[in-house]
Protein backbone atom coordinates (compact mmCIF):
# COMPACT_ATOMS: atom_id res chain seq x y z
CA MET A 1 -0.91 17.59 -3.90
CA ARG A 2 -3.52 16.45 -6.25
CA TYR A 3 -5.54 12.89 -6.07
CA ILE A 4 -6.19 10.77 -9.14
CA ASN A 5 -9.67 11.96 -9.66
CA GLU A 6 -8.31 14.96 -10.31
CA MET A 7 -6.33 13.94 -13.61
CA GLN A 8 -6.87 13.02 -17.14
CA PHE A 9 -5.40 9.77 -18.13
CA LYS A 10 -6.50 9.15 -21.91
CA ASP A 11 -3.67 7.48 -24.06
CA LYS A 12 -1.32 8.10 -21.15
CA LYS A 13 1.51 6.15 -20.05
CA VAL A 14 0.77 6.08 -16.37
CA LEU A 15 3.59 4.89 -13.60
CA VAL A 16 2.08 3.43 -10.65
CA ARG A 17 3.64 3.00 -7.32
CA VAL A 18 2.16 -0.28 -5.38
CA ASP A 19 2.82 -2.35 -2.51
CA PHE A 20 3.27 -5.33 -3.76
CA ASN A 21 5.64 -7.00 -0.91
CA VAL A 22 3.12 -9.83 -0.14
CA PRO A 23 4.14 -13.19 1.50
CA ILE A 24 5.12 -15.82 -1.51
CA GLN A 25 5.32 -19.58 -0.97
CA ASP A 26 6.26 -22.29 -3.43
CA GLY A 27 5.87 -19.31 -6.34
CA LYS A 28 2.47 -18.72 -5.11
CA VAL A 29 1.14 -15.99 -3.21
CA GLU A 30 -0.11 -16.50 0.40
CA ASP A 31 -2.29 -13.50 1.28
CA ASP A 32 -3.19 -11.04 -1.77
CA ASN A 33 -4.79 -8.17 0.36
CA ARG A 34 -2.09 -5.58 -0.55
CA ILE A 35 -2.95 -6.55 -4.11
CA LYS A 36 -7.18 -6.54 -3.43
CA GLU A 37 -6.10 -3.25 -2.11
CA THR A 38 -4.90 -1.34 -5.15
CA LEU A 39 -7.61 -2.84 -7.42
CA PRO A 40 -9.54 0.55 -7.77
CA THR A 41 -6.56 2.46 -8.73
CA ILE A 42 -5.86 -0.02 -11.71
CA HIS A 43 -9.35 -0.39 -12.73
CA TYR A 44 -9.91 3.16 -12.82
CA LEU A 45 -6.70 3.96 -14.95
CA LEU A 46 -7.90 0.93 -17.59
CA ASP A 47 -11.45 2.82 -17.63
CA GLN A 48 -10.06 6.43 -17.98
CA GLY A 49 -7.90 4.93 -20.97
CA ALA A 50 -4.18 4.53 -19.44
CA SER A 51 -1.74 2.33 -19.99
CA VAL A 52 -0.94 1.08 -16.81
CA ILE A 53 2.89 0.08 -15.53
CA LEU A 54 3.02 -1.00 -12.31
CA CYS A 55 6.26 -1.16 -9.82
CA SER A 56 6.51 -2.44 -6.66
CA HIS A 57 9.47 -4.11 -4.47
CA LEU A 58 9.62 -7.60 -2.61
CA GLY A 59 11.36 -8.28 0.14
CA LYS A 60 15.06 -7.54 0.92
CA PRO A 61 17.52 -8.56 -2.02
CA LYS A 62 19.92 -5.52 -1.38
CA GLY A 63 20.38 -4.50 -4.67
CA GLU A 64 20.86 -8.19 -6.28
CA TYR A 65 18.85 -10.18 -8.70
CA LYS A 66 17.33 -12.99 -6.37
CA LYS A 67 14.67 -15.38 -8.29
CA GLU A 68 12.79 -16.22 -5.24
CA LEU A 69 12.10 -12.61 -5.04
CA SER A 70 10.73 -12.12 -8.39
CA LEU A 71 7.55 -10.18 -8.57
CA SER A 72 6.44 -12.91 -11.42
CA PRO A 73 3.88 -15.30 -8.78
CA VAL A 74 2.20 -11.58 -8.40
CA ALA A 75 1.88 -10.96 -11.84
CA LYS A 76 -0.27 -14.36 -12.25
CA LYS A 77 -1.99 -13.55 -8.99
CA LEU A 78 -2.95 -10.00 -10.86
CA GLU A 79 -4.20 -11.57 -13.57
CA HIS A 80 -6.34 -14.34 -11.99
CA LEU A 81 -7.80 -10.81 -9.62
CA LEU A 82 -8.38 -8.99 -12.99
CA ASP A 83 -9.03 -11.37 -15.23
CA GLN A 84 -6.96 -9.54 -17.95
CA ASP A 85 -3.61 -10.59 -19.03
CA VAL A 86 -0.66 -8.85 -17.15
CA GLU A 87 2.60 -8.89 -18.99
CA MET A 88 5.69 -8.84 -16.70
CA ALA A 89 9.01 -7.40 -17.61
CA PRO A 90 12.27 -8.62 -17.05
CA ASP A 91 13.52 -5.46 -15.27
CA CYS A 92 12.61 -2.34 -14.25
CA ILE A 93 14.72 -0.21 -16.18
CA GLY A 94 16.72 -0.66 -19.26
CA SER A 95 16.38 -0.86 -22.80
CA GLN A 96 14.06 -4.04 -23.05
CA VAL A 97 11.93 -2.07 -20.31
CA GLU A 98 11.63 0.91 -22.56
CA ALA A 99 10.56 -1.43 -25.50
CA LEU A 100 7.72 -3.14 -23.63
CA VAL A 101 6.23 0.39 -22.34
CA ASN A 102 6.14 2.07 -25.60
CA ASP A 103 4.34 -1.13 -27.46
CA LEU A 104 1.88 -0.49 -24.28
CA VAL A 105 -1.41 0.12 -25.55
CA PRO A 106 -4.48 1.77 -23.34
CA GLY A 107 -6.01 -0.52 -21.09
CA LYS A 108 -2.89 -2.97 -20.78
CA ILE A 109 -1.12 -3.46 -17.94
CA LEU A 110 2.89 -4.55 -17.55
CA LEU A 111 4.33 -5.14 -14.00
CA LEU A 112 8.13 -3.79 -13.70
CA GLU A 113 10.37 -6.99 -12.11
CA ASN A 114 11.09 -6.01 -8.44
CA LEU A 115 12.71 -2.69 -7.69
CA ARG A 116 15.13 -3.73 -5.00
CA PHE A 117 16.63 -5.84 -7.46
CA HIS A 118 18.91 -2.46 -8.19
CA PRO A 119 20.96 -0.76 -5.33
CA GLY A 120 19.55 2.87 -6.53
CA GLU A 121 16.06 2.32 -5.36
CA THR A 122 17.02 2.13 -1.61
CA LYS A 123 19.62 4.96 -2.28
CA ASN A 124 17.14 7.18 -3.83
CA ASP A 125 19.83 7.23 -6.73
CA PRO A 126 19.09 10.33 -9.33
CA GLU A 127 20.00 8.20 -12.25
CA PHE A 128 18.04 5.05 -11.44
CA SER A 129 14.76 7.68 -10.40
CA LYS A 130 15.31 9.48 -14.08
CA GLN A 131 15.09 5.70 -15.49
CA LEU A 132 12.32 5.27 -13.74
CA ALA A 133 10.33 8.95 -14.70
CA LYS A 134 11.13 8.30 -18.34
CA LEU A 135 8.67 5.32 -18.75
CA ALA A 136 5.78 7.35 -17.95
CA ASP A 137 4.05 10.82 -18.60
CA ILE A 138 2.50 10.50 -15.05
CA TYR A 139 3.53 9.12 -11.76
CA VAL A 140 0.67 7.76 -9.59
CA ASN A 141 2.14 6.46 -5.71
CA ASP A 142 -0.68 4.14 -4.50
CA ALA A 143 1.90 2.41 -1.78
CA PHE A 144 1.20 3.93 1.58
CA GLY A 145 3.22 0.92 3.27
CA ILE A 146 6.16 2.97 1.70
CA VAL A 147 6.37 6.48 1.84
CA HIS A 148 8.13 6.80 4.61
CA ARG A 149 10.98 5.91 2.92
CA ALA A 150 12.75 8.15 0.38
CA ASP A 151 13.28 5.68 -1.96
CA ALA A 152 13.41 6.35 -5.71
CA SER A 153 10.15 4.67 -6.87
CA VAL A 154 8.65 6.91 -3.99
CA GLU A 155 10.39 10.25 -3.41
CA GLY A 156 13.30 10.62 -6.02
CA ILE A 157 11.40 9.94 -9.49
CA THR A 158 8.71 12.94 -8.42
CA ASN A 159 11.98 15.45 -9.01
CA TYR A 160 11.85 14.39 -12.82
CA ILE A 161 8.25 13.61 -13.71
CA GLN A 162 5.87 16.28 -14.04
CA SER A 163 2.63 15.18 -13.50
CA THR A 164 1.76 13.20 -9.74
CA CYS A 165 -0.94 12.28 -7.77
CA ALA A 166 -2.24 10.11 -5.09
CA GLY A 167 -4.21 6.89 -5.76
CA PHE A 168 -7.22 5.62 -4.03
CA LEU A 169 -5.57 3.76 -1.83
CA LEU A 170 -3.36 6.29 -0.60
CA SER A 171 -5.64 8.68 -0.28
CA LYS A 172 -7.82 6.49 1.75
CA GLU A 173 -5.15 6.33 4.31
CA ILE A 174 -4.83 10.09 4.39
CA GLN A 175 -8.28 10.51 5.00
CA TYR A 176 -8.76 8.22 7.90
CA LEU A 177 -5.58 8.57 9.73
CA GLY A 178 -5.48 12.32 9.20
CA LYS A 179 -9.40 12.48 10.65
CA ALA A 180 -7.97 10.56 13.48
CA LEU A 181 -5.08 13.03 14.14
CA ALA A 182 -6.85 16.24 13.08
CA HIS A 183 -10.47 15.68 13.67
CA PRO A 184 -11.76 13.03 15.26
CA ASP A 185 -14.48 12.39 17.41
CA HIS A 186 -14.41 12.05 20.94
CA PRO A 187 -13.76 10.16 23.62
CA TYR A 188 -11.00 9.37 21.29
CA ILE A 189 -8.74 6.39 22.38
CA LEU A 190 -5.33 4.98 21.45
CA LEU A 191 -5.28 1.40 21.88
CA THR A 192 -1.66 0.04 21.83
CA GLY A 193 0.07 -3.15 22.36
CA GLY A 194 2.70 -5.37 21.16
CA ALA A 195 6.94 -5.88 22.63
CA LYS A 196 7.95 -2.71 22.54
CA VAL A 197 7.62 0.86 23.61
CA SER A 198 10.46 1.99 21.59
CA THR A 199 8.40 1.42 18.23
CA LYS A 200 5.81 3.21 19.69
CA LEU A 201 7.55 6.13 21.66
CA GLY A 202 6.67 8.70 19.02
CA VAL A 203 3.11 7.70 18.73
CA LEU A 204 2.68 7.94 22.34
CA LEU A 205 3.93 11.23 23.07
CA ASN A 206 2.46 12.87 20.01
CA LEU A 207 -0.97 11.97 20.98
CA LEU A 208 -1.03 12.83 24.28
CA ASP A 209 -2.26 16.28 23.34
CA LYS A 210 -5.27 14.49 21.04
CA VAL A 211 -6.69 11.22 22.99
CA ASP A 212 -8.55 11.34 26.20
CA ARG A 213 -7.71 7.86 27.26
CA ILE A 214 -4.64 5.92 26.79
CA ILE A 215 -4.90 1.72 27.14
CA VAL A 216 -1.55 -0.10 26.72
CA GLY A 217 -0.86 -3.90 26.26
CA GLY A 218 1.29 -6.32 25.52
CA ALA A 219 5.09 -6.78 26.35
CA MET A 220 5.59 -2.57 26.33
CA ALA A 221 3.18 -2.24 29.35
CA ASN A 222 5.67 -4.51 31.38
CA THR A 223 8.30 -1.55 31.15
CA PHE A 224 5.20 1.09 32.04
CA ARG A 225 4.96 -1.51 35.11
CA LYS A 226 8.51 -1.64 36.10
CA ALA A 227 8.77 2.07 35.62
CA GLN A 228 5.97 2.44 38.95
CA GLY A 229 8.07 0.01 40.76
CA TYR A 230 6.28 -3.40 40.00
CA SER A 231 8.11 -6.77 39.19
CA VAL A 232 7.42 -7.96 35.87
CA GLY A 233 9.19 -11.21 36.64
CA GLN A 234 11.28 -13.00 33.67
CA SER A 235 9.13 -11.01 31.24
CA PHE A 236 10.57 -8.85 28.66
CA VAL A 237 11.23 -5.39 29.38
CA GLU A 238 12.93 -2.48 27.85
CA ASP A 239 15.05 -1.40 30.82
CA ASP A 240 16.57 1.71 28.71
CA LEU A 241 13.09 3.32 28.21
CA ILE A 242 11.71 2.81 31.80
CA PRO A 243 12.56 6.78 32.16
CA ASN A 244 10.42 7.39 28.73
CA ALA A 245 7.54 5.19 30.30
CA SER A 246 7.99 7.46 33.10
CA GLU A 247 7.98 10.46 31.35
CA ILE A 248 4.24 9.50 29.54
CA ILE A 249 2.69 8.24 32.95
CA GLU A 250 3.57 11.92 34.05
CA LYS A 251 2.69 13.82 30.99
CA ALA A 252 -0.73 11.88 30.80
CA HIS A 253 -1.52 12.50 34.13
CA SER A 254 -0.55 16.51 34.15
CA LYS A 255 -2.44 16.66 30.34
CA GLY A 256 -5.77 14.99 32.19
CA VAL A 257 -5.38 11.91 30.04
CA SER A 258 -6.35 8.74 31.55
CA LEU A 259 -3.75 5.56 31.04
CA TYR A 260 -4.61 2.16 31.62
CA LEU A 261 -2.57 -0.90 31.97
CA PRO A 262 -2.92 -4.25 32.58
CA VAL A 263 -4.51 -5.04 36.29
CA ASP A 264 -4.14 -9.09 35.95
CA TYR A 265 -2.03 -11.11 33.66
CA LEU A 266 -1.84 -14.42 32.19
CA LEU A 267 1.85 -16.63 33.19
CA GLY A 268 3.69 -18.56 31.77
CA THR A 269 7.65 -20.01 32.17
CA ASP A 270 7.92 -20.30 27.98
CA ILE A 271 6.20 -17.97 25.12
CA LYS A 272 6.10 -21.48 23.38
CA SER A 273 4.31 -23.44 26.14
CA THR A 274 1.05 -25.37 26.18
CA ASN A 275 0.33 -24.77 29.58
CA THR A 276 0.01 -21.59 31.37
CA SER A 277 0.74 -21.00 35.15
CA GLY A 278 -2.44 -19.14 36.01
CA VAL A 279 -3.56 -15.83 36.50
CA CYS A 280 -2.28 -13.28 39.08
CA PRO A 281 -2.59 -9.37 39.86
CA PHE A 282 -0.23 -7.00 38.59
CA LEU A 283 1.17 -6.43 42.08
CA ASN A 284 2.82 -9.64 42.86
CA VAL A 285 4.10 -11.52 39.43
CA PRO A 286 6.06 -14.47 40.81
CA ASP A 287 10.11 -14.02 39.88
CA ASN A 288 10.12 -16.97 38.02
CA GLU A 289 7.18 -16.60 35.78
CA MET A 290 6.54 -14.51 32.54
CA ILE A 291 3.80 -12.43 31.43
CA LEU A 292 2.51 -13.53 28.29
CA ASP A 293 -1.05 -12.32 28.16
CA THR A 294 -3.48 -10.24 29.92
CA GLY A 295 -5.91 -11.69 32.33
CA PRO A 296 -10.13 -11.93 32.61
CA ALA A 297 -10.04 -8.46 34.99
CA THR A 298 -7.99 -6.22 32.70
CA HIS A 299 -10.25 -7.25 29.34
CA THR A 300 -13.22 -6.38 31.73
CA LEU A 301 -11.67 -3.18 32.71
CA PHE A 302 -10.12 -2.52 28.96
CA SER A 303 -13.59 -3.12 27.32
CA GLU A 304 -14.99 -0.54 30.07
CA VAL A 305 -12.63 2.20 28.90
CA LEU A 306 -13.75 1.43 25.56
CA LYS A 307 -17.46 1.03 25.51
CA ASP A 308 -18.13 4.48 24.93
CA ALA A 309 -15.62 5.56 22.84
CA GLN A 310 -16.10 7.31 19.81
CA THR A 311 -13.07 7.19 17.79
CA VAL A 312 -10.41 4.62 18.29
CA VAL A 313 -6.86 4.11 16.97
CA TRP A 314 -5.38 0.35 17.47
CA ASN A 315 -1.66 -1.14 16.94
CA GLY A 316 -0.58 -4.18 18.68
CA PRO A 317 -1.79 -7.13 20.11
CA MET A 318 -2.11 -7.84 23.57
CA GLY A 319 -0.19 -10.75 24.12
CA ALA A 320 1.60 -13.65 22.55
CA PHE A 321 -1.27 -14.59 20.68
CA GLU A 322 0.83 -16.30 18.13
CA ASN A 323 0.22 -19.19 20.55
CA PRO A 324 -3.20 -19.81 21.25
CA THR A 325 -2.51 -20.67 25.01
CA PHE A 326 -2.30 -16.78 25.12
CA SER A 327 -4.51 -15.42 22.74
CA GLN A 328 -7.26 -14.95 25.00
CA GLY A 329 -6.68 -11.40 26.05
CA SER A 330 -5.81 -10.49 22.16
CA PHE A 331 -8.91 -12.31 20.55
CA GLY A 332 -11.13 -10.48 23.39
CA ILE A 333 -9.88 -6.87 22.70
CA ALA A 334 -10.45 -7.69 18.89
CA GLN A 335 -14.07 -8.56 19.84
CA THR A 336 -14.71 -5.99 22.19
CA VAL A 337 -13.16 -3.29 19.49
CA SER A 338 -15.58 -4.87 16.33
CA SER A 339 -18.62 -4.70 18.43
CA LEU A 340 -18.54 -0.69 18.77
CA GLN A 341 -20.01 1.20 16.13
CA VAL A 342 -17.69 3.87 15.70
CA LEU A 343 -14.37 5.13 13.85
CA THR A 344 -11.88 2.19 14.64
CA ILE A 345 -8.78 2.60 12.63
CA VAL A 346 -6.11 -0.60 12.78
CA GLY A 347 -2.45 -0.17 11.77
CA GLY A 348 0.24 -3.15 11.92
CA GLY A 349 1.26 -6.37 10.73
CA ASP A 350 0.71 -8.44 13.79
CA THR A 351 -2.65 -6.61 14.32
CA ASP A 352 -3.93 -7.46 10.92
CA SER A 353 -2.54 -10.98 11.54
CA LEU A 354 -4.75 -10.95 14.86
CA LEU A 355 -7.99 -9.79 13.24
CA LYS A 356 -7.60 -12.41 10.12
CA LYS A 357 -7.49 -15.01 12.42
CA CYS A 358 -10.70 -13.76 14.24
CA GLY A 359 -12.49 -12.71 11.00
CA LEU A 360 -12.84 -9.39 11.98
CA GLU A 361 -11.36 -7.63 9.38
CA GLU A 362 -14.79 -6.58 7.97
CA LYS A 363 -15.64 -5.43 11.58
CA MET A 364 -13.09 -2.32 11.54
CA SER A 365 -13.79 1.04 9.72
CA PHE A 366 -10.16 1.06 8.38
CA ILE A 367 -7.35 -1.33 8.56
CA SER A 368 -4.21 0.49 7.26
CA THR A 369 -1.72 -1.00 4.96
CA GLY A 370 1.31 0.39 6.20
CA GLY A 371 3.44 -1.12 9.44
CA GLY A 372 6.00 1.87 10.11
CA SER A 373 4.59 4.21 7.71
CA PHE A 374 0.92 3.90 9.85
CA LEU A 375 3.35 4.68 13.25
CA GLU A 376 5.34 7.42 11.68
CA PHE A 377 1.96 9.15 10.08
CA LEU A 378 0.15 9.17 13.99
CA GLU A 379 4.00 10.13 14.90
CA GLY A 380 2.93 13.59 12.87
CA LYS A 381 6.14 13.61 10.88
CA ASP A 382 6.51 14.64 7.46
CA LEU A 383 6.56 11.30 5.29
CA PRO A 384 9.01 11.87 2.46
CA GLY A 385 6.41 9.97 -0.21
CA LEU A 386 3.53 11.91 0.97
CA LYS A 387 5.99 15.55 0.99
CA ALA A 388 7.03 14.66 -2.73
CA LEU A 389 3.72 14.62 -3.87
CA GLY A 390 2.80 18.12 -2.67
CA MET A 391 1.72 17.01 1.20
CA SER A 392 3.60 19.95 3.54
CA SER A 393 2.25 18.72 6.81
CA ILE A 394 0.13 15.80 8.36
CA ILE A 395 -2.82 17.95 9.68
């Protein structure tokens, strides 16, 4: 796999796959973090004398044009961030687009319209891939958030364009996550939360051979406690994954990996409630109550487990943090992780949102721009977008 700083871009047409799948409200970008993350790659290509063609998806238009999913607001935001004009194409393929590309001079930017307006994008259609490839001399992938999907602009295009490489953002993701898998400093701790064991099962099983400790919070911890025979009242549980939770508990024990679960909870009768039902130990959750956050004893325990960590990988909140009534556990663990002077790697949309609410993004070593790709990378899977660039394995 080649990286952007190993290539020559002068007077070249360069197609860059970016991830501009950002929230848009009333025609304006609400959160521009993903756009900002691509700026180093865009600036570098412009400085190298390239003609820059950007392509991305937005939302799920399912192969049809939908005005509300146009990338036009992104073009305006990008113009503001770069302080230069960004031309917006009416489509991502076709004669009109080809004419715009032909007229694009070095140092200028063209943003293609939403790739998913064409069904060929998500179907990885060879003809659609060829039409994208003919727009450029070089293909740069800088969209980590989409490398787990074998889409035309991610995987298919690399079969029809001679020169490919990873952009700075993609390179940074590989650097940080690769270190977490291949060369972590110890003690190495996986901190995981959120609602479902099902989305984290592969990560838990893969990292059992690498981590020293695992902390499980959020609603997914309910499935583990139920697997141990404890009642969780009316709380969310994945009953079909209780055997898997039991397997992870047993494997962790056999491998000498310490597994920590909440020891007390903040209870409520409704996830939207403005009142709690108080704190109780994990041993005796009332049948009519829901576990909606971790309690103070759990925060003390988890903080103690984390205090000598050298590597922390974190995905998922500790409770229903979107409701301020049940946000203390998640906010508390965010404060703890942010205070560690070690490698802290964070991934997942909910965790990112939590850190924004706390104002602690800058305190983390690295926040991944991927959701599904972050988890699949940590599972040790070969991701289609990385494999297409020549990365044969994660480690």
